């Protein structure tokens, strides 16, 4: 972790705990964890909504997901003239 030794990091940790206190650090950890969890749920919800928008009905009324064709090009250098 940079050019600091383990003793520098321990002193810094002690100073942070003294300044902020353990309860504030614990609450900050809970808030950060809740924010990450909320972000993951929002991304998951967005993906399901996006998938629902791409459902296509065929003539029989059956639903299936729309598949977009993928095109790949392969370059073959052995046949260059």
Protein backbone atom coordinates (compact mmCIF):
# COMPACT_ATOMS: atom_id res chain seq x y z
CA UNK A 1 0.00 0.00 0.00
CA UNK A 2 2.34 2.67 -1.13
CA UNK A 3 5.59 3.51 0.57
CA UNK A 4 4.17 3.40 4.10
CA UNK A 5 5.09 0.58 6.45
CA UNK A 6 2.60 -1.34 8.58
CA UNK A 7 3.35 0.86 11.59
CA UNK A 8 2.35 3.99 9.65
CA UNK A 9 -0.97 2.37 8.68
CA UNK A 10 -1.65 1.30 12.27
CA UNK A 11 -0.98 4.82 13.58
CA UNK A 12 -3.27 6.24 10.91
CA UNK A 13 -5.99 3.73 11.88
CA UNK A 14 -5.71 4.71 15.55
CA UNK A 15 -5.96 8.42 14.68
CA UNK A 16 -9.05 7.81 12.51
CA UNK A 17 -10.74 5.80 15.28
CA UNK A 18 -9.94 8.50 17.87
CA UNK A 19 -11.21 11.32 15.65
CA UNK A 20 -14.38 9.68 14.35
CA UNK A 21 -15.16 7.10 17.03
CA UNK A 22 -16.15 3.50 16.46
CA UNK A 23 -19.89 4.17 16.29
CA UNK A 24 -19.54 6.64 13.42
CA UNK A 25 -17.25 4.25 11.55
CA UNK A 26 -19.69 1.38 12.11
CA UNK A 27 -22.59 3.50 10.85
CA UNK A 28 -20.57 4.58 7.82
CA UNK A 29 -19.90 0.92 7.03
CA UNK A 30 -23.61 0.09 7.29
CA UNK A 31 -24.52 3.03 5.07
CA UNK A 32 -21.93 2.05 2.47
CA UNK A 33 -23.14 -1.57 2.49
CA UNK A 34 -26.75 -0.43 2.08
CA UNK A 35 -25.81 1.82 -0.81
CA UNK A 36 -23.99 -1.01 -2.60
CA UNK A 37 -26.94 -3.36 -2.04
CA UNK A 38 -29.37 -0.75 -3.37
CA UNK A 39 -27.20 -0.18 -6.43
CA UNK A 40 -27.07 -3.92 -7.19
CA UNK A 41 -30.86 -4.20 -6.86
CA UNK A 42 -31.39 -1.20 -9.15
CA UNK A 43 -29.11 -2.69 -11.80
CA UNK A 44 -30.90 -6.04 -11.52
CA UNK A 45 -34.32 -4.34 -11.85
CA UNK A 46 -33.12 -2.36 -14.86
CA UNK A 47 -31.94 -5.54 -16.59
CA UNK A 48 -35.29 -7.27 -16.05
CA UNK A 49 -37.19 -4.23 -17.37
CA UNK A 50 -34.90 -4.13 -20.39
CA UNK A 51 -35.53 -7.83 -21.03
CA UNK A 52 -39.30 -7.31 -20.78
CA UNK A 53 -39.16 -4.59 -23.43
CA UNK A 54 -37.56 -6.99 -25.91
CA UNK A 55 -40.25 -9.68 -25.74
CA UNK A 56 -41.77 -10.33 -29.16
CA UNK A 57 -45.09 -12.02 -29.83
CA UNK A 58 -45.30 -14.35 -32.81
CA UNK A 59 -48.47 -14.93 -34.87
CA UNK A 60 -49.76 -17.58 -32.46
CA UNK A 61 -49.49 -15.19 -29.51
CA UNK A 62 -46.55 -16.99 -27.96
CA UNK A 63 -43.96 -14.75 -26.38
CA UNK A 64 -40.26 -15.17 -26.96
CA UNK A 65 -37.28 -12.93 -26.46
CA UNK A 66 -35.98 -11.01 -29.40
CA UNK A 67 -32.63 -12.27 -30.54
CA UNK A 68 -30.49 -9.88 -32.43
CA UNK A 69 -28.30 -11.42 -35.11
CA UNK A 70 -24.64 -11.30 -34.38
CA UNK A 71 -22.26 -10.80 -37.23
CA UNK A 72 -18.68 -11.84 -37.01
CA UNK A 73 -16.02 -11.33 -39.59
CA UNK A 74 -12.98 -13.46 -39.78
CA UNK A 75 -9.95 -12.16 -41.56
CA UNK A 76 -7.84 -14.77 -43.31
CA UNK A 77 -4.38 -13.50 -44.19
CA UNK A 78 -3.31 -16.65 -46.02
CA UNK A 79 -5.14 -15.77 -49.28
CA UNK A 80 -3.76 -12.27 -49.78
CA UNK A 81 -2.48 -11.65 -53.29
